[in-house]
């Protein structure tokens, strides 16, 4: 029997205004019928798993506590080890991974490294002590070519499934999920060249990190190809050489790199992260320059606040949701005893053009 419009659910929690949750509100949020909401909240069968998940997500988003009958036993704990929370792309990745894990009934355990705090190895040891079913590593020591990869072989030997995101390492036999850093750098260079920039620089992290190395390779290859074709020949016939400035993954690091690139006459800058790009914008403004009239800046990540900076940041977007889903799928196949080929899954990034890039202003421009 279909519940009457505006009906409430017996035994469901009360809302923030001391009223019972309205089926209509939950149904609208979940894009399902009130009858479906009623079946889910009363623990009835006959509702698809994906639909049931949408109803529960709507309940959570509306601020209601789930009825006791709907609280499921966890399928297990999955550790998520990330380097920090100050860079917005890492919380975005963490949330995307956690959303996928919850859909499969697993409970995520977030572990964050902070200066002076627990190391990656110590966090892993603690996760193992708590009996985690598997671990997702994001931009961890696997991405550092100077780190000992034996730690991951030890996990395999102890029977702990894991997957590695951002930072392929051929010395580790594991599942890897990465964005195409080569392609990201190349499309950023192409965008700036199409806007008329002839002296283009790269602000990127230390060379020991695989993503930095790959971005540098893509940037250098692209610039050299354009030099060979004459696309980056200046108005007086002077060739612009690839200019790479290595720095820290931070706003301050970007500021330092931006200052150095300005000193070398760059009018367009490709950055290894959005935070670096914001630092480059700051460096330009400290010289009295306007972005994008005097300098164009391209970031990398498309972190959640990139569209709201001043100016809104042109950036290369990591496909976070797709990468998170692939990482969890590969991990769960390992957990279920059905491992897929251990290889690198590479995802294509997307250039998102906003206000931090523009046509190069020449001496004759107004």
Protein backbone atom coordinates (compact mmCIF):
# COMPACT_ATOMS: atom_id res chain seq x y z
CA UNK A 1 0.00 0.00 0.00
CA UNK A 2 1.39 3.39 -1.02
CA UNK A 3 1.87 5.76 1.94
CA UNK A 4 -0.13 9.01 1.80
CA UNK A 5 1.74 12.18 0.70
CA UNK A 6 3.80 13.74 3.45
CA UNK A 7 3.68 10.56 5.53
CA UNK A 8 6.37 9.81 8.07
CA UNK A 9 8.03 6.54 8.97
CA UNK A 10 7.30 4.70 12.18
CA UNK A 11 10.45 4.21 14.20
CA UNK A 12 12.47 6.61 12.02
CA UNK A 13 14.51 9.34 13.69
CA UNK A 14 13.13 12.82 14.28
CA UNK A 15 14.39 15.71 12.19
CA UNK A 16 16.28 18.79 13.27
CA UNK A 17 13.01 20.70 13.90
CA UNK A 18 11.67 17.95 16.18
CA UNK A 19 9.44 16.49 13.46
CA UNK A 20 9.63 13.03 11.94
CA UNK A 21 11.38 12.72 8.56
CA UNK A 22 9.01 13.24 5.65
CA UNK A 23 9.00 10.55 2.99
CA UNK A 24 8.46 13.22 0.34
CA UNK A 25 11.69 15.03 1.29
CA UNK A 26 13.77 11.86 1.24
CA UNK A 27 12.14 10.66 -2.01
CA UNK A 28 12.87 13.99 -3.71
CA UNK A 29 16.49 13.93 -2.57
CA UNK A 30 16.99 10.33 -3.75
CA UNK A 31 14.88 10.71 -6.95
CA UNK A 32 12.72 7.70 -6.05
CA UNK A 33 9.09 7.18 -5.05
CA UNK A 34 7.84 7.58 -1.50
CA UNK A 35 6.85 3.90 -1.57
CA UNK A 36 10.49 2.97 -2.27
CA UNK A 37 11.68 5.15 0.59
CA UNK A 38 9.18 3.47 2.89
CA UNK A 39 10.40 -0.01 1.90
CA UNK A 40 14.03 0.92 2.49
CA UNK A 41 13.46 2.62 5.85
CA UNK A 42 11.34 -0.25 7.09
CA UNK A 43 13.89 -2.86 6.01
CA UNK A 44 11.69 -4.46 3.36
CA UNK A 45 13.05 -6.55 0.50
CA UNK A 46 12.51 -5.91 -3.19
CA UNK A 47 14.71 -2.80 -3.59
CA UNK A 48 17.82 -2.80 -5.79
CA UNK A 49 21.12 -2.31 -3.98
CA UNK A 50 21.92 0.92 -5.86
CA UNK A 51 18.48 2.35 -5.10
CA UNK A 52 18.74 1.42 -1.44
CA UNK A 53 22.12 3.18 -1.32
CA UNK A 54 20.60 6.35 -2.83
CA UNK A 55 17.87 6.42 -0.19
CA UNK A 56 20.36 5.97 2.64
CA UNK A 57 22.59 8.67 1.15
CA UNK A 58 19.58 11.01 0.98
CA UNK A 59 18.82 10.29 4.62
CA UNK A 60 22.39 11.19 5.52
CA UNK A 61 22.43 14.36 3.39
CA UNK A 62 19.22 15.60 4.98
CA UNK A 63 20.74 15.21 8.42
CA UNK A 64 18.63 12.33 9.71
CA UNK A 65 19.99 9.50 11.82
CA UNK A 66 19.49 6.09 10.29
CA UNK A 67 17.06 3.74 12.04
CA UNK A 68 18.84 1.06 14.06
CA UNK A 69 17.42 -1.66 11.81
CA UNK A 70 19.31 -0.20 8.83
CA UNK A 71 22.74 -0.22 10.40
CA UNK A 72 24.71 -2.83 8.51
CA UNK A 73 27.62 -4.93 9.63
CA UNK A 74 30.79 -3.79 7.90
CA UNK A 75 32.31 -6.09 5.29
CA UNK A 76 35.69 -5.09 6.70
CA UNK A 77 38.08 -2.20 7.27
CA UNK A 78 39.98 -0.64 4.36
CA UNK A 79 42.90 1.66 5.14
CA UNK A 80 43.42 4.81 3.09
CA UNK A 81 46.89 6.32 3.51
CA UNK A 82 47.35 9.85 2.17
CA UNK A 83 50.24 12.31 2.60
CA UNK A 84 48.31 15.37 3.86
CA UNK A 85 45.01 17.22 4.03
CA UNK A 86 46.25 20.76 3.27
CA UNK A 87 46.24 20.15 -0.48
CA UNK A 88 42.51 20.04 -1.44
CA UNK A 89 43.03 17.29 -4.02
CA UNK A 90 43.87 14.74 -1.32
CA UNK A 91 40.62 15.16 0.67
CA UNK A 92 38.78 15.03 -2.66
CA UNK A 93 40.45 11.71 -3.49
CA UNK A 94 39.81 10.39 0.01
CA UNK A 95 36.12 11.22 -0.21
CA UNK A 96 35.79 9.62 -3.64
CA UNK A 97 37.49 6.40 -2.45
CA UNK A 98 35.40 6.31 0.71
CA UNK A 99 32.16 6.73 -1.24
CA UNK A 100 32.99 3.72 -3.41
CA UNK A 101 34.02 1.62 -0.41
CA UNK A 102 30.79 2.41 1.44
CA UNK A 103 28.75 1.26 -1.55
CA UNK A 104 30.40 -2.14 -1.19
CA UNK A 105 29.81 -2.25 2.56
CA UNK A 106 33.39 -1.58 3.68
CA UNK A 107 34.41 0.85 6.39
CA UNK A 108 37.21 3.25 5.39
CA UNK A 109 39.95 4.14 7.87
CA UNK A 110 41.68 7.39 6.91
CA UNK A 111 45.35 7.76 7.84
CA UNK A 112 47.08 11.08 7.19
CA UNK A 113 50.76 11.85 7.49
CA UNK A 114 51.75 15.11 9.14
CA UNK A 115 55.23 16.56 9.77
CA UNK A 116 56.60 14.98 12.91
CA UNK A 117 53.79 12.44 13.04
CA UNK A 118 53.56 8.77 12.11
CA UNK A 119 55.39 7.63 9.00
CA UNK A 120 53.74 5.63 6.23
CA UNK A 121 55.31 2.42 7.60
CA UNK A 122 54.03 3.18 11.12
CA UNK A 123 50.52 3.86 9.81
CA UNK A 124 50.55 0.58 7.91
CA UNK A 125 51.67 -1.26 11.03
CA UNK A 126 48.76 0.24 12.97
CA UNK A 127 46.30 -0.66 10.20
CA UNK A 128 47.53 -4.25 10.21
CA UNK A 129 47.15 -4.39 14.00
CA UNK A 130 43.49 -3.42 13.51
CA UNK A 131 43.01 -6.21 11.00
CA UNK A 132 42.34 -4.19 7.86
CA UNK A 133 41.14 -6.12 4.82
CA UNK A 134 43.18 -4.02 2.39
CA UNK A 135 44.93 -0.67 1.90
CA UNK A 136 44.78 2.13 -0.67
CA UNK A 137 47.94 4.26 -0.90
CA UNK A 138 47.64 7.72 -2.46
CA UNK A 139 50.85 9.51 -3.52
CA UNK A 140 52.83 7.48 -0.99
CA UNK A 141 56.42 6.27 -0.86
CA UNK A 142 55.75 4.18 -3.97
CA UNK A 143 55.88 7.49 -5.92
CA UNK A 144 59.35 8.32 -4.53
CA UNK A 145 62.05 6.70 -6.65
CA UNK A 146 64.55 6.97 -3.78
CA UNK A 147 62.37 4.97 -1.34
CA UNK A 148 62.84 1.25 -0.74
CA UNK A 149 60.03 -0.68 -2.49
CA UNK A 150 60.63 -3.73 -0.29
CA UNK A 151 57.99 -2.45 2.19
CA UNK A 152 55.28 -3.26 -0.37
CA UNK A 153 56.70 -6.71 -1.07
CA UNK A 154 56.42 -7.27 2.67
CA UNK A 155 52.71 -6.44 2.55
CA UNK A 156 52.23 -8.96 -0.24
CA UNK A 157 54.11 -11.61 1.74
CA UNK A 158 51.86 -10.97 4.74
CA UNK A 159 48.77 -11.38 2.58
CA UNK A 160 47.55 -7.76 2.78
CA UNK A 161 45.97 -6.64 -0.53
CA UNK A 162 46.74 -3.07 -1.60
CA UNK A 163 46.55 -0.69 -4.54
CA UNK A 164 48.78 2.30 -5.34
CA UNK A 165 47.44 5.59 -6.71
CA UNK A 166 49.59 8.28 -8.41
CA UNK A 167 53.16 7.10 -8.83
CA UNK A 168 54.01 4.03 -10.92
CA UNK A 169 57.02 2.03 -9.77
CA UNK A 170 58.17 -0.85 -11.96
CA UNK A 171 59.94 -2.44 -8.98
CA UNK A 172 56.61 -3.08 -7.22
CA UNK A 173 54.31 -5.89 -8.33
CA UNK A 174 50.95 -4.26 -7.69
CA UNK A 175 47.94 -2.50 -9.14
CA UNK A 176 48.63 1.14 -10.03
CA UNK A 177 46.14 3.89 -10.90
CA UNK A 178 47.55 7.07 -12.43
CA UNK A 179 46.58 10.11 -14.48
CA UNK A 180 48.44 10.54 -17.78
CA UNK A 181 50.99 13.11 -16.58
CA UNK A 182 52.70 13.22 -19.99
CA UNK A 183 49.46 14.13 -21.69
CA UNK A 184 48.58 16.65 -18.98
CA UNK A 185 51.78 18.62 -19.52
CA UNK A 186 51.52 18.45 -23.29
CA UNK A 187 47.95 19.76 -23.40
CA UNK A 188 48.89 22.62 -21.06
CA UNK A 189 51.80 23.63 -23.29
CA UNK A 190 49.61 23.42 -26.39
CA UNK A 191 46.99 25.63 -24.75
CA UNK A 192 49.55 28.32 -23.89
CA UNK A 193 51.17 28.17 -27.33
CA UNK A 194 47.78 28.57 -28.99
CA UNK A 195 47.32 31.74 -26.92
CA UNK A 196 50.51 33.18 -28.41
CA UNK A 197 52.97 32.47 -25.59
CA UNK A 198 56.49 31.83 -26.83
CA UNK A 199 58.43 31.52 -23.59
CA UNK A 200 56.76 28.88 -21.46
CA UNK A 201 58.05 27.58 -18.12
CA UNK A 202 57.25 24.63 -15.88
CA UNK A 203 56.93 24.81 -12.08
CA UNK A 204 57.07 21.24 -10.81
CA UNK A 205 58.06 19.17 -7.78
CA UNK A 206 61.35 17.36 -7.05
CA UNK A 207 62.56 14.97 -9.72
CA UNK A 208 62.54 11.96 -7.38
CA UNK A 209 58.73 11.87 -7.54
CA UNK A 210 57.33 9.91 -10.50
CA UNK A 211 54.48 12.35 -11.31
CA UNK A 212 56.96 15.26 -11.38
CA UNK A 213 59.33 13.32 -13.61
CA UNK A 214 56.55 12.39 -16.03
CA UNK A 215 55.20 15.94 -16.21
CA UNK A 216 58.70 17.21 -16.90
CA UNK A 217 59.17 14.68 -19.69
CA UNK A 218 55.83 15.59 -21.29
CA UNK A 219 56.56 19.31 -20.99
CA UNK A 220 60.07 19.05 -22.43
CA UNK A 221 58.99 16.82 -25.31
CA UNK A 222 56.14 19.16 -26.23
CA UNK A 223 58.27 22.30 -26.13
CA UNK A 224 61.06 20.72 -28.19
CA UNK A 225 58.58 19.49 -30.80
CA UNK A 226 57.18 23.02 -31.12
CA UNK A 227 60.69 24.44 -31.36
CA UNK A 228 61.40 22.06 -34.20
CA UNK A 229 58.23 23.09 -36.03
CA UNK A 230 58.86 26.77 -35.45
CA UNK A 231 55.74 27.28 -33.32
CA UNK A 232 57.73 28.62 -30.39
CA UNK A 233 59.98 30.88 -32.41
CA UNK A 234 59.86 34.40 -30.99
CA UNK A 235 59.10 37.52 -33.07
CA UNK A 236 62.80 38.21 -33.63
CA UNK A 237 63.53 34.59 -34.52
CA UNK A 238 64.93 33.75 -31.07
CA UNK A 239 64.08 30.24 -29.91
CA UNK A 240 62.49 29.75 -26.51
CA UNK A 241 64.10 26.81 -24.68
CA UNK A 242 62.32 24.50 -22.21
CA UNK A 243 62.56 26.14 -18.78
CA UNK A 244 61.93 23.94 -15.73
CA UNK A 245 61.91 25.20 -12.16
CA UNK A 246 61.71 22.56 -9.43
CA UNK A 247 60.07 23.54 -6.18
CA UNK A 248 57.95 22.34 -3.25
CA UNK A 249 54.33 21.23 -3.65
CA UNK A 250 52.90 24.33 -1.97
CA UNK A 251 51.77 27.90 -2.54
CA UNK A 252 55.11 29.10 -1.20
CA UNK A 253 56.96 26.76 -3.54
CA UNK A 254 54.94 28.05 -6.47
CA UNK A 255 55.70 31.63 -5.49
CA UNK A 256 59.44 30.92 -5.48
CA UNK A 257 59.25 29.09 -8.82
CA UNK A 258 57.08 31.82 -10.33
CA UNK A 259 59.59 34.48 -9.33
CA UNK A 260 62.43 32.53 -10.96
CA UNK A 261 60.41 31.93 -14.15
CA UNK A 262 59.48 35.61 -14.39
CA UNK A 263 63.18 36.45 -14.12
CA UNK A 264 63.72 34.21 -17.15
CA UNK A 265 61.09 36.04 -19.19
CA UNK A 266 58.29 33.47 -19.09
CA UNK A 267 54.81 34.71 -19.97
CA UNK A 268 53.14 31.31 -19.61
CA UNK A 269 53.65 28.82 -16.79
CA UNK A 270 52.54 25.21 -16.45
CA UNK A 271 52.35 24.02 -12.83
CA UNK A 272 52.54 20.61 -11.18
CA UNK A 273 49.60 21.36 -8.86
CA UNK A 274 46.89 23.93 -8.28
CA UNK A 275 48.58 25.10 -5.09
CA UNK A 276 51.77 25.79 -7.02
CA UNK A 277 49.73 27.68 -9.62
CA UNK A 278 48.26 29.94 -6.93
CA UNK A 279 51.80 30.69 -5.79
CA UNK A 280 52.81 31.61 -9.34
CA UNK A 281 49.81 33.96 -9.56
CA UNK A 282 50.96 35.56 -6.30
CA UNK A 283 54.48 35.98 -7.66
CA UNK A 284 53.15 37.72 -10.78
CA UNK A 285 51.03 40.12 -8.73
CA UNK A 286 53.95 40.93 -6.46
CA UNK A 287 55.67 42.27 -9.60
CA UNK A 288 52.64 44.38 -10.46
CA UNK A 289 51.63 42.02 -13.28
CA UNK A 290 48.09 41.02 -14.16
CA UNK A 291 46.99 37.42 -14.64
CA UNK A 292 46.13 36.66 -17.42
CA UNK A 293 46.92 39.95 -19.25
CA UNK A 294 50.66 39.79 -18.51
CA UNK A 295 51.11 36.15 -17.51
CA UNK A 296 49.03 32.99 -18.04
CA UNK A 297 49.08 30.19 -15.48
CA UNK A 298 47.88 26.57 -15.79
CA UNK A 299 47.48 24.38 -12.71
CA UNK A 300 47.06 20.64 -12.29
CA UNK A 301 44.43 18.65 -10.33
CA UNK A 302 41.29 20.83 -10.64
CA UNK A 303 40.94 20.72 -6.87
CA UNK A 304 37.49 21.72 -5.54
CA UNK A 305 38.30 25.42 -5.05
CA UNK A 306 40.04 26.01 -8.41
CA UNK A 307 36.91 27.50 -9.97
CA UNK A 308 36.59 30.04 -7.14
CA UNK A 309 40.10 31.50 -6.97
CA UNK A 310 40.98 34.98 -8.27
CA UNK A 311 41.18 34.60 -11.19
CA UNK A 312 39.45 31.23 -11.58
CA UNK A 313 42.22 28.77 -12.34
CA UNK A 314 42.76 27.14 -15.70
CA UNK A 315 43.93 23.65 -14.81
CA UNK A 316 44.29 20.07 -15.96
CA UNK A 317 41.68 17.96 -14.21
CA UNK A 318 42.50 14.60 -12.70
CA UNK A 319 39.54 12.23 -13.20
CA UNK A 320 39.28 11.67 -9.46
CA UNK A 321 35.99 9.75 -9.39
CA UNK A 322 37.01 7.35 -12.16
CA UNK A 323 40.45 6.77 -10.63
CA UNK A 324 38.96 6.15 -7.19
CA UNK A 325 36.48 3.64 -8.59
CA UNK A 326 39.21 1.80 -10.49
CA UNK A 327 41.45 1.66 -7.42
CA UNK A 328 38.69 0.21 -5.22
CA UNK A 329 37.58 -2.26 -7.91
CA UNK A 330 41.12 -3.58 -8.32
CA UNK A 331 41.56 -3.85 -4.55
CA UNK A 332 38.28 -5.70 -4.05
CA UNK A 333 39.14 -8.18 -6.79
CA UNK A 334 42.34 -8.96 -4.86
CA UNK A 335 40.38 -9.30 -1.63
CA UNK A 336 37.90 -11.70 -3.28
CA UNK A 337 40.73 -13.84 -4.60
CA UNK A 338 40.14 -12.86 -8.23
CA UNK A 339 43.16 -10.66 -8.97
CA UNK A 340 43.21 -8.90 -12.31
CA UNK A 341 46.47 -8.29 -14.13
CA UNK A 342 48.81 -6.26 -11.96
CA UNK A 343 49.56 -3.30 -14.15
CA UNK A 344 49.12 0.46 -14.37
CA UNK A 345 45.67 1.80 -15.22
CA UNK A 346 46.25 5.21 -16.84
CA UNK A 347 43.44 7.78 -17.00
CA UNK A 348 43.25 10.69 -19.41
CA UNK A 349 43.10 14.15 -17.83
CA UNK A 350 41.04 17.08 -19.15
CA UNK A 351 42.03 20.70 -19.71
CA UNK A 352 39.59 23.04 -17.96
CA UNK A 353 39.97 26.58 -19.28
CA UNK A 354 39.08 29.39 -16.89
CA UNK A 355 40.31 32.91 -16.22
CA UNK A 356 44.01 32.45 -15.41
CA UNK A 357 45.03 32.03 -19.08
CA UNK A 358 44.53 34.45 -21.94
CA UNK A 359 45.91 35.74 -25.21
CA UNK A 360 49.46 37.02 -24.92
CA UNK A 361 49.53 40.79 -24.79
CA UNK A 362 52.08 42.21 -27.21
CA UNK A 363 53.64 45.66 -27.23
CA UNK A 364 50.99 46.76 -29.72
CA UNK A 365 48.12 45.43 -27.65
CA UNK A 366 45.94 47.95 -25.75
